[in-house]
């Protein structure tokens, strides 16, 4: 298998400061002959980066949006307006719910998608909403959903809500999906934000697939982790004997420092422009 993951955009710039960066995430994934875009950042600036990196987004087979927050789906509208739209869009069940963030008191700020299902239909885009625990794109590429919440330290963030029937309800992120790629050395796991907890996610997909985890790439949302959660997470990751860590975006400086200390050369911050190649 040939696997190449290029970080088209992330919070931090590339080392030469040539590419655009922003609070968000977008990964371009090449798996043998398949080309997958995983998330689209918040603004669509990832398209400029793709051009600079000589990546043709007209060749996409799939676009996978990990969840319905603006910093992961905000660039999708520009992608549609600037490509031939022959890709298949994959999202989780509940992706189109209106998402909000509690700012202060009873003030809620819209935090969701810049498009709806009507936009998808108007542009004749093939849409797949995942409600299965496991959905195979190909024999080696898997979408995971419906993660079990088994531990007591990864609790839902009380800042995030969805709006239903004019009421704000705590978001359980049931729409969150994760991409897994089978590699000869184990499973390569590609994360959006890990709102349901990175341990919950990894434990769920390990039990379902029966494949040990070789690498994890993307957002871990450890930015909000207290000392208990951070220590428990690191202990879990050590037990799993994961070889490659390419975390970034919502991981947070404190967690990044701890991960670098604990995993040394296994950990590389996955900023804008970084490329991971596995053969």
C-alpha atoms as a PDB file:
ATOM      1  CA  UNK A   1       0.000   0.000   0.000  1.00  0.00           C
ATOM      2  CA  UNK A   2       1.043   3.569  -0.748  1.00  0.00           C
ATOM      3  CA  UNK A   3      -0.336   6.212   1.633  1.00  0.00           C
ATOM      4  CA  UNK A   4       0.450   9.931   1.542  1.00  0.00           C
ATOM      5  CA  UNK A   5      -1.198  12.532   3.780  1.00  0.00           C
ATOM      6  CA  UNK A   6      -0.607  16.226   3.048  1.00  0.00           C
ATOM      7  CA  UNK A   7      -1.811  18.833   5.542  1.00  0.00           C
ATOM      8  CA  UNK A   8      -3.356  21.485   3.293  1.00  0.00           C
ATOM      9  CA  UNK A   9      -4.197  23.835   6.157  1.00  0.00           C
ATOM     10  CA  UNK A  10      -3.901  23.942   9.937  1.00  0.00           C
ATOM     11  CA  UNK A  11      -3.638  26.520  12.730  1.00  0.00           C
ATOM     12  CA  UNK A  12       0.107  26.981  12.336  1.00  0.00           C
ATOM     13  CA  UNK A  13       2.039  28.008   9.202  1.00  0.00           C
ATOM     14  CA  UNK A  14       4.575  26.011   7.243  1.00  0.00           C
ATOM     15  CA  UNK A  15       8.247  26.492   8.108  1.00  0.00           C
ATOM     16  CA  UNK A  16       8.848  28.772   5.099  1.00  0.00           C
ATOM     17  CA  UNK A  17       5.634  30.756   5.651  1.00  0.00           C
ATOM     18  CA  UNK A  18       4.610  30.277   2.018  1.00  0.00           C
ATOM     19  CA  UNK A  19       1.196  28.690   2.599  1.00  0.00           C
ATOM     20  CA  UNK A  20      -1.952  30.100   4.191  1.00  0.00           C
ATOM     21  CA  UNK A  21      -2.801  28.978   7.721  1.00  0.00           C
ATOM     22  CA  UNK A  22      -5.916  29.381   9.859  1.00  0.00           C
ATOM     23  CA  UNK A  23      -7.760  27.861  12.796  1.00  0.00           C
ATOM     24  CA  UNK A  24      -9.014  24.759  11.027  1.00  0.00           C
ATOM     25  CA  UNK A  25      -7.965  21.518   9.410  1.00  0.00           C
ATOM     26  CA  UNK A  26      -7.830  20.041   5.919  1.00  0.00           C
ATOM     27  CA  UNK A  27      -5.928  16.917   4.886  1.00  0.00           C
ATOM     28  CA  UNK A  28      -5.357  15.581   1.363  1.00  0.00           C
ATOM     29  CA  UNK A  29      -5.010  11.806   1.406  1.00  0.00           C
ATOM     30  CA  UNK A  30      -3.699   9.622  -1.420  1.00  0.00           C
ATOM     31  CA  UNK A  31      -4.268   5.892  -0.947  1.00  0.00           C
ATOM     32  CA  UNK A  32      -3.035   3.914  -3.915  1.00  0.00           C
ATOM     33  CA  UNK A  33      -5.184   5.393  -6.704  1.00  0.00           C
ATOM     34  CA  UNK A  34      -7.842   6.959  -4.455  1.00  0.00           C
ATOM     35  CA  UNK A  35      -7.778  10.654  -3.519  1.00  0.00           C
ATOM     36  CA  UNK A  36      -9.657  11.826  -0.445  1.00  0.00           C
ATOM     37  CA  UNK A  37     -10.081  15.298   1.030  1.00  0.00           C
ATOM     38  CA  UNK A  38     -10.622  15.098   4.783  1.00  0.00           C
ATOM     39  CA  UNK A  39     -12.174  18.363   6.047  1.00  0.00           C
ATOM     40  CA  UNK A  40     -11.961  21.752   4.356  1.00  0.00           C
ATOM     41  CA  UNK A  41     -10.750  24.233   6.986  1.00  0.00           C
ATOM     42  CA  UNK A  42     -12.842  27.303   7.738  1.00  0.00           C
ATOM     43  CA  UNK A  43     -12.411  29.657   4.773  1.00  0.00           C
ATOM     44  CA  UNK A  44     -11.415  27.796   1.607  1.00  0.00           C
ATOM     45  CA  UNK A  45      -7.810  29.048   1.750  1.00  0.00           C
ATOM     46  CA  UNK A  46      -6.717  25.400   1.597  1.00  0.00           C
ATOM     47  CA  UNK A  47      -7.510  25.586  -2.142  1.00  0.00           C
ATOM     48  CA  UNK A  48      -4.727  28.152  -2.643  1.00  0.00           C
ATOM     49  CA  UNK A  49      -2.374  25.893  -0.713  1.00  0.00           C
ATOM     50  CA  UNK A  50      -3.320  22.916  -2.870  1.00  0.00           C
ATOM     51  CA  UNK A  51      -2.450  24.925  -5.979  1.00  0.00           C
ATOM     52  CA  UNK A  52       0.950  25.881  -4.533  1.00  0.00           C
ATOM     53  CA  UNK A  53       1.579  22.232  -3.649  1.00  0.00           C
ATOM     54  CA  UNK A  54       0.606  21.113  -7.191  1.00  0.00           C
ATOM     55  CA  UNK A  55      -2.406  19.161  -5.929  1.00  0.00           C
ATOM     56  CA  UNK A  56      -5.359  18.972  -8.328  1.00  0.00           C
ATOM     57  CA  UNK A  57      -8.605  18.983  -6.339  1.00  0.00           C
ATOM     58  CA  UNK A  58     -10.555  18.144  -9.502  1.00  0.00           C
ATOM     59  CA  UNK A  59      -9.309  14.573  -9.130  1.00  0.00           C
ATOM     60  CA  UNK A  60     -10.974  13.919  -5.769  1.00  0.00           C
ATOM     61  CA  UNK A  61     -12.869  10.656  -5.344  1.00  0.00           C
ATOM     62  CA  UNK A  62     -14.261  11.486  -1.906  1.00  0.00           C
ATOM     63  CA  UNK A  63     -14.674  14.425   0.443  1.00  0.00           C
ATOM     64  CA  UNK A  64     -15.075  13.394   4.083  1.00  0.00           C
ATOM     65  CA  UNK A  65     -16.248  16.011   6.602  1.00  0.00           C
ATOM     66  CA  UNK A  66     -15.538  14.857  10.140  1.00  0.00           C
ATOM     67  CA  UNK A  67     -18.274  16.920  11.832  1.00  0.00           C
ATOM     68  CA  UNK A  68     -20.388  20.012  11.303  1.00  0.00           C
ATOM     69  CA  UNK A  69     -18.184  22.749  12.785  1.00  0.00           C
ATOM     70  CA  UNK A  70     -17.154  25.729  10.646  1.00  0.00           C
ATOM     71  CA  UNK A  71     -13.400  25.145  11.058  1.00  0.00           C
ATOM     72  CA  UNK A  72     -13.749  21.727   9.406  1.00  0.00           C
ATOM     73  CA  UNK A  73     -16.517  22.345   6.860  1.00  0.00           C
ATOM     74  CA  UNK A  74     -16.308  26.094   6.200  1.00  0.00           C
ATOM     75  CA  UNK A  75     -14.260  25.738   3.024  1.00  0.00           C
ATOM     76  CA  UNK A  76     -16.613  23.243   1.396  1.00  0.00           C
ATOM     77  CA  UNK A  77     -18.701  25.831  -0.448  1.00  0.00           C
ATOM     78  CA  UNK A  78     -15.577  27.263  -2.125  1.00  0.00           C
ATOM     79  CA  UNK A  79     -14.431  23.760  -3.010  1.00  0.00           C
ATOM     80  CA  UNK A  80     -17.728  23.141  -4.791  1.00  0.00           C
ATOM     81  CA  UNK A  81     -17.525  26.479  -6.619  1.00  0.00           C
ATOM     82  CA  UNK A  82     -13.943  25.871  -7.753  1.00  0.00           C
ATOM     83  CA  UNK A  83     -13.942  22.197  -8.820  1.00  0.00           C
ATOM     84  CA  UNK A  84     -15.858  19.893 -11.131  1.00  0.00           C
ATOM     85  CA  UNK A  85     -17.822  18.357  -8.204  1.00  0.00           C
ATOM     86  CA  UNK A  86     -17.422  14.740  -9.305  1.00  0.00           C
ATOM     87  CA  UNK A  87     -16.527  13.564  -5.801  1.00  0.00           C
ATOM     88  CA  UNK A  88     -18.776  11.761  -3.341  1.00  0.00           C
ATOM     89  CA  UNK A  89     -19.436  13.611  -0.069  1.00  0.00           C
ATOM     90  CA  UNK A  90     -19.418  11.568   3.145  1.00  0.00           C
ATOM     91  CA  UNK A  91     -20.700  12.984   6.448  1.00  0.00           C
ATOM     92  CA  UNK A  92     -22.005  11.608   9.714  1.00  0.00           C
ATOM     93  CA  UNK A  93     -25.650  11.255  10.637  1.00  0.00           C
ATOM     94  CA  UNK A  94     -26.771  14.596  12.104  1.00  0.00           C
ATOM     95  CA  UNK A  95     -24.083  16.591  10.281  1.00  0.00           C
ATOM     96  CA  UNK A  96     -26.612  19.199   9.138  1.00  0.00           C
ATOM     97  CA  UNK A  97     -27.930  20.060  12.604  1.00  0.00           C
ATOM     98  CA  UNK A  98     -27.497  23.745  13.487  1.00  0.00           C
ATOM     99  CA  UNK A  99     -24.475  23.949  15.777  1.00  0.00           C
ATOM    100  CA  UNK A 100     -23.769  26.723  18.283  1.00  0.00           C
ATOM    101  CA  UNK A 101     -21.190  27.676  20.883  1.00  0.00           C
ATOM    102  CA  UNK A 102     -22.142  29.171  24.232  1.00  0.00           C
ATOM    103  CA  UNK A 103     -20.148  32.388  24.538  1.00  0.00           C
ATOM    104  CA  UNK A 104     -21.274  33.799  27.886  1.00  0.00           C
ATOM    105  CA  UNK A 105     -24.443  33.815  29.903  1.00  0.00           C
ATOM    106  CA  UNK A 106     -27.193  32.813  27.492  1.00  0.00           C
ATOM    107  CA  UNK A 107     -25.466  34.088  24.347  1.00  0.00           C
ATOM    108  CA  UNK A 108     -24.968  31.507  21.601  1.00  0.00           C
ATOM    109  CA  UNK A 109     -22.795  31.984  18.519  1.00  0.00           C
ATOM    110  CA  UNK A 110     -23.431  29.978  15.343  1.00  0.00           C
ATOM    111  CA  UNK A 111     -20.595  27.506  14.965  1.00  0.00           C
ATOM    112  CA  UNK A 112     -21.804  25.249  12.165  1.00  0.00           C
ATOM    113  CA  UNK A 113     -21.792  24.721   8.415  1.00  0.00           C
ATOM    114  CA  UNK A 114     -21.988  27.433   5.760  1.00  0.00           C
ATOM    115  CA  UNK A 115     -24.200  25.214   3.601  1.00  0.00           C
ATOM    116  CA  UNK A 116     -27.176  22.886   3.923  1.00  0.00           C
ATOM    117  CA  UNK A 117     -28.611  19.830   2.197  1.00  0.00           C
ATOM    118  CA  UNK A 118     -30.312  22.022  -0.403  1.00  0.00           C
ATOM    119  CA  UNK A 119     -26.903  23.336  -1.498  1.00  0.00           C
ATOM    120  CA  UNK A 120     -25.735  19.735  -1.922  1.00  0.00           C
ATOM    121  CA  UNK A 121     -28.788  18.886  -3.993  1.00  0.00           C
ATOM    122  CA  UNK A 122     -28.569  22.032  -6.153  1.00  0.00           C
ATOM    123  CA  UNK A 123     -24.995  21.156  -7.085  1.00  0.00           C
ATOM    124  CA  UNK A 124     -25.815  17.504  -7.852  1.00  0.00           C
ATOM    125  CA  UNK A 125     -23.315  16.208  -5.332  1.00  0.00           C
ATOM    126  CA  UNK A 126     -23.550  12.559  -4.343  1.00  0.00           C
ATOM    127  CA  UNK A 127     -24.121  12.444  -0.575  1.00  0.00           C
ATOM    128  CA  UNK A 128     -23.671   9.582   1.879  1.00  0.00           C
ATOM    129  CA  UNK A 129     -24.726  10.111   5.512  1.00  0.00           C
ATOM    130  CA  UNK A 130     -23.104   7.487   7.716  1.00  0.00           C
ATOM    131  CA  UNK A 131     -25.209   5.849  10.410  1.00  0.00           C
ATOM    132  CA  UNK A 132     -23.369   2.518  10.519  1.00  0.00           C
ATOM    133  CA  UNK A 133     -20.638   1.783  13.060  1.00  0.00           C
ATOM    134  CA  UNK A 134     -18.357   0.771  10.186  1.00  0.00           C
ATOM    135  CA  UNK A 135     -18.657   1.753   6.533  1.00  0.00           C
ATOM    136  CA  UNK A 136     -16.096   0.606   3.965  1.00  0.00           C
ATOM    137  CA  UNK A 137     -15.217   3.057   1.204  1.00  0.00           C
ATOM    138  CA  UNK A 138     -12.836   0.450  -0.194  1.00  0.00           C
ATOM    139  CA  UNK A 139     -11.445  -2.761   1.223  1.00  0.00           C
ATOM    140  CA  UNK A 140      -8.681  -0.808   2.969  1.00  0.00           C
ATOM    141  CA  UNK A 141     -10.427   2.510   3.729  1.00  0.00           C
ATOM    142  CA  UNK A 142     -13.017   2.605   6.500  1.00  0.00           C
ATOM    143  CA  UNK A 143     -15.313   5.230   8.023  1.00  0.00           C
ATOM    144  CA  UNK A 144     -16.052   4.770  11.736  1.00  0.00           C
ATOM    145  CA  UNK A 145     -19.011   6.324  13.556  1.00  0.00           C
ATOM    146  CA  UNK A 146     -21.235   5.924  16.654  1.00  0.00           C
ATOM    147  CA  UNK A 147     -18.365   5.819  19.145  1.00  0.00           C
ATOM    148  CA  UNK A 148     -18.996   4.240  22.530  1.00  0.00           C
ATOM    149  CA  UNK A 149     -18.377   6.438  25.571  1.00  0.00           C
ATOM    150  CA  UNK A 150     -16.954   4.137  28.208  1.00  0.00           C
ATOM    151  CA  UNK A 151     -14.570   6.195  30.341  1.00  0.00           C
ATOM    152  CA  UNK A 152     -15.389   8.819  32.958  1.00  0.00           C
ATOM    153  CA  UNK A 153     -12.705  11.408  32.100  1.00  0.00           C
ATOM    154  CA  UNK A 154     -13.688  12.373  28.540  1.00  0.00           C
ATOM    155  CA  UNK A 155     -16.803  14.397  29.240  1.00  0.00           C
ATOM    156  CA  UNK A 156     -18.792  16.453  26.749  1.00  0.00           C
ATOM    157  CA  UNK A 157     -17.824  20.109  26.500  1.00  0.00           C
ATOM    158  CA  UNK A 158     -20.707  22.191  27.846  1.00  0.00           C
ATOM    159  CA  UNK A 159     -19.919  25.023  25.446  1.00  0.00           C
ATOM    160  CA  UNK A 160     -21.189  23.204  22.351  1.00  0.00           C
ATOM    161  CA  UNK A 161     -24.885  22.936  21.468  1.00  0.00           C
ATOM    162  CA  UNK A 162     -27.236  22.094  18.647  1.00  0.00           C
ATOM    163  CA  UNK A 163     -30.487  23.938  18.049  1.00  0.00           C
ATOM    164  CA  UNK A 164     -33.594  21.797  17.838  1.00  0.00           C
ATOM    165  CA  UNK A 165     -37.145  23.137  17.784  1.00  0.00           C
ATOM    166  CA  UNK A 166     -35.929  26.579  18.907  1.00  0.00           C
ATOM    167  CA  UNK A 167     -34.143  25.076  21.931  1.00  0.00           C
ATOM    168  CA  UNK A 168     -30.425  24.658  22.578  1.00  0.00           C
ATOM    169  CA  UNK A 169     -29.458  21.072  23.408  1.00  0.00           C
ATOM    170  CA  UNK A 170     -25.985  19.922  24.477  1.00  0.00           C
ATOM    171  CA  UNK A 171     -24.177  18.556  21.415  1.00  0.00           C
ATOM    172  CA  UNK A 172     -23.171  14.902  21.870  1.00  0.00           C
ATOM    173  CA  UNK A 173     -21.289  14.966  18.523  1.00  0.00           C
ATOM    174  CA  UNK A 174     -23.062  11.886  17.254  1.00  0.00           C
ATOM    175  CA  UNK A 175     -22.247  13.203  13.759  1.00  0.00           C
ATOM    176  CA  UNK A 176     -18.482  12.808  14.263  1.00  0.00           C
ATOM    177  CA  UNK A 177     -16.808  10.353  11.904  1.00  0.00           C
ATOM    178  CA  UNK A 178     -13.229   9.106  11.664  1.00  0.00           C
ATOM    179  CA  UNK A 179     -11.271   7.684   8.741  1.00  0.00           C
ATOM    180  CA  UNK A 180      -9.227   4.507   9.114  1.00  0.00           C
ATOM    181  CA  UNK A 181      -6.738   3.136   6.595  1.00  0.00           C
ATOM    182  CA  UNK A 182      -5.509  -0.460   6.782  1.00  0.00           C
ATOM    183  CA  UNK A 183      -1.731  -0.590   6.567  1.00  0.00           C
ATOM    184  CA  UNK A 184       0.493  -3.656   6.844  1.00  0.00           C
ATOM    185  CA  UNK A 185       1.777  -2.304  10.177  1.00  0.00           C
ATOM    186  CA  UNK A 186      -1.671  -1.526  11.578  1.00  0.00           C
ATOM    187  CA  UNK A 187      -4.471   1.008  11.332  1.00  0.00           C
ATOM    188  CA  UNK A 188      -3.766   4.618  10.367  1.00  0.00           C
ATOM    189  CA  UNK A 189      -6.427   6.736  12.089  1.00  0.00           C
ATOM    190  CA  UNK A 190      -7.358  10.170  10.725  1.00  0.00           C
ATOM    191  CA  UNK A 191      -9.223  12.402  13.172  1.00  0.00           C
ATOM    192  CA  UNK A 192     -11.107  15.668  12.803  1.00  0.00           C
ATOM    193  CA  UNK A 193     -11.517  17.042  16.315  1.00  0.00           C
ATOM    194  CA  UNK A 194     -12.149  14.020  18.578  1.00  0.00           C
ATOM    195  CA  UNK A 195     -14.967  15.811  20.395  1.00  0.00           C
ATOM    196  CA  UNK A 196     -16.238  12.515  21.804  1.00  0.00           C
ATOM    197  CA  UNK A 197     -12.756  11.829  23.227  1.00  0.00           C
ATOM    198  CA  UNK A 198      -9.718  10.385  21.514  1.00  0.00           C
ATOM    199  CA  UNK A 199      -9.645   7.408  23.873  1.00  0.00           C
ATOM    200  CA  UNK A 200     -13.336   6.669  23.274  1.00  0.00           C
ATOM    201  CA  UNK A 201     -12.706   6.847  19.536  1.00  0.00           C
ATOM    202  CA  UNK A 202      -9.576   4.710  19.442  1.00  0.00           C
ATOM    203  CA  UNK A 203     -11.012   2.099  21.786  1.00  0.00           C
ATOM    204  CA  UNK A 204     -14.218   1.826  19.734  1.00  0.00           C
ATOM    205  CA  UNK A 205     -12.497   1.375  16.396  1.00  0.00           C
ATOM    206  CA  UNK A 206      -9.864  -1.009  17.804  1.00  0.00           C
ATOM    207  CA  UNK A 207     -12.568  -3.290  19.183  1.00  0.00           C
ATOM    208  CA  UNK A 208     -14.596  -3.130  15.978  1.00  0.00           C
ATOM    209  CA  UNK A 209     -11.771  -3.634  13.508  1.00  0.00           C
ATOM    210  CA  UNK A 210      -9.529  -5.907  15.565  1.00  0.00           C
ATOM    211  CA  UNK A 211      -6.554  -4.073  14.062  1.00  0.00           C
ATOM    212  CA  UNK A 212      -3.837  -2.493  16.240  1.00  0.00           C
ATOM    213  CA  UNK A 213      -3.264   1.236  15.757  1.00  0.00           C
ATOM    214  CA  UNK A 214      -0.080   2.173  13.922  1.00  0.00           C
ATOM    215  CA  UNK A 215      -0.505   5.930  13.449  1.00  0.00           C
ATOM    216  CA  UNK A 216      -2.872   8.758  14.386  1.00  0.00           C
ATOM    217  CA  UNK A 217      -3.201  12.003  12.443  1.00  0.00           C
ATOM    218  CA  UNK A 218      -5.381  15.068  13.031  1.00  0.00           C
ATOM    219  CA  UNK A 219      -7.098  16.802  15.939  1.00  0.00           C
ATOM    220  CA  UNK A 220      -7.336  15.367  19.464  1.00  0.00           C
ATOM    221  CA  UNK A 221      -9.202  18.181  21.318  1.00  0.00           C
ATOM    222  CA  UNK A 222      -6.849  17.824  24.265  1.00  0.00           C
ATOM    223  CA  UNK A 223      -6.801  21.612  24.401  1.00  0.00           C
ATOM    224  CA  UNK A 224      -9.638  21.364  26.922  1.00  0.00           C
ATOM    225  CA  UNK A 225      -8.191  18.427  28.888  1.00  0.00           C
ATOM    226  CA  UNK A 226      -7.516  18.768  32.601  1.00  0.00           C
ATOM    227  CA  UNK A 227      -4.557  17.008  34.200  1.00  0.00           C
ATOM    228  CA  UNK A 228      -6.536  13.812  34.876  1.00  0.00           C
ATOM    229  CA  UNK A 229      -7.777  13.518  31.299  1.00  0.00           C
ATOM    230  CA  UNK A 230      -4.391  14.346  29.786  1.00  0.00           C
ATOM    231  CA  UNK A 231      -2.545  11.806  31.953  1.00  0.00           C
ATOM    232  CA  UNK A 232      -5.144   9.092  31.342  1.00  0.00           C
ATOM    233  CA  UNK A 233      -5.002   9.765  27.607  1.00  0.00           C
ATOM    234  CA  UNK A 234      -1.219   9.534  27.479  1.00  0.00           C
ATOM    235  CA  UNK A 235      -1.242   6.319  29.534  1.00  0.00           C
ATOM    236  CA  UNK A 236      -3.768   4.832  27.112  1.00  0.00           C
ATOM    237  CA  UNK A 237      -1.697   5.850  24.075  1.00  0.00           C
ATOM    238  CA  UNK A 238       1.376   4.272  25.653  1.00  0.00           C
ATOM    239  CA  UNK A 239      -0.484   1.015  26.265  1.00  0.00           C
ATOM    240  CA  UNK A 240      -1.490   0.886  22.600  1.00  0.00           C
ATOM    241  CA  UNK A 241       2.165   1.168  21.547  1.00  0.00           C
ATOM    242  CA  UNK A 242       1.349   3.539  18.677  1.00  0.00           C
ATOM    243  CA  UNK A 243       4.335   4.252  16.428  1.00  0.00           C
ATOM    244  CA  UNK A 244       3.425   7.580  14.779  1.00  0.00           C
ATOM    245  CA  UNK A 245       1.709  10.668  16.219  1.00  0.00           C
ATOM    246  CA  UNK A 246       0.869  13.560  13.877  1.00  0.00           C
ATOM    247  CA  UNK A 247      -1.556  15.522  16.045  1.00  0.00           C
ATOM    248  CA  UNK A 248      -2.325  19.247  15.764  1.00  0.00           C
ATOM    249  CA  UNK A 249      -5.189  21.780  15.423  1.00  0.00           C
ATOM    250  CA  UNK A 250      -7.249  21.402  18.629  1.00  0.00           C
ATOM    251  CA  UNK A 251      -4.579  19.491  20.562  1.00  0.00           C
ATOM    252  CA  UNK A 252      -3.357  22.599  22.423  1.00  0.00           C
ATOM    253  CA  UNK A 253       0.116  23.783  23.422  1.00  0.00           C
ATOM    254  CA  UNK A 254       0.136  22.156  26.859  1.00  0.00           C
ATOM    255  CA  UNK A 255      -0.864  18.755  25.483  1.00  0.00           C
ATOM    256  CA  UNK A 256       1.584  19.076  22.580  1.00  0.00           C
ATOM    257  CA  UNK A 257       4.412  19.732  25.032  1.00  0.00           C
ATOM    258  CA  UNK A 258       3.421  16.696  27.099  1.00  0.00           C
ATOM    259  CA  UNK A 259       3.110  14.465  24.018  1.00  0.00           C
ATOM    260  CA  UNK A 260       6.496  15.593  22.721  1.00  0.00           C
ATOM    261  CA  UNK A 261       8.043  14.808  26.102  1.00  0.00           C
ATOM    262  CA  UNK A 262       6.415  11.385  26.432  1.00  0.00           C
ATOM    263  CA  UNK A 263       6.734  10.128  22.844  1.00  0.00           C
ATOM    264  CA  UNK A 264       9.866  12.003  21.689  1.00  0.00           C
ATOM    265  CA  UNK A 265      10.598  11.322  17.990  1.00  0.00           C
ATOM    266  CA  UNK A 266       7.320   9.417  17.547  1.00  0.00           C
ATOM    267  CA  UNK A 267       5.516  12.772  17.807  1.00  0.00           C
ATOM    268  CA  UNK A 268       5.666  15.467  15.123  1.00  0.00           C
ATOM    269  CA  UNK A 269       3.343  18.469  15.160  1.00  0.00           C
ATOM    270  CA  UNK A 270       1.284  18.267  11.985  1.00  0.00           C
ATOM    271  CA  UNK A 271       1.270  21.907  10.869  1.00  0.00           C
ATOM    272  CA  UNK A 272       0.321  23.329   7.470  1.00  0.00           C
ATOM    273  CA  UNK A 273       2.324  21.787   4.627  1.00  0.00           C
ATOM    274  CA  UNK A 274       3.497  18.712   6.525  1.00  0.00           C
ATOM    275  CA  UNK A 275       3.542  15.448   4.561  1.00  0.00           C
ATOM    276  CA  UNK A 276       3.379  11.925   5.972  1.00  0.00           C
ATOM    277  CA  UNK A 277       4.248   9.095   3.576  1.00  0.00           C
ATOM    278  CA  UNK A 278       3.836   5.428   4.479  1.00  0.00           C
ATOM    279  CA  UNK A 279       4.713   2.626   2.057  1.00  0.00           C
END
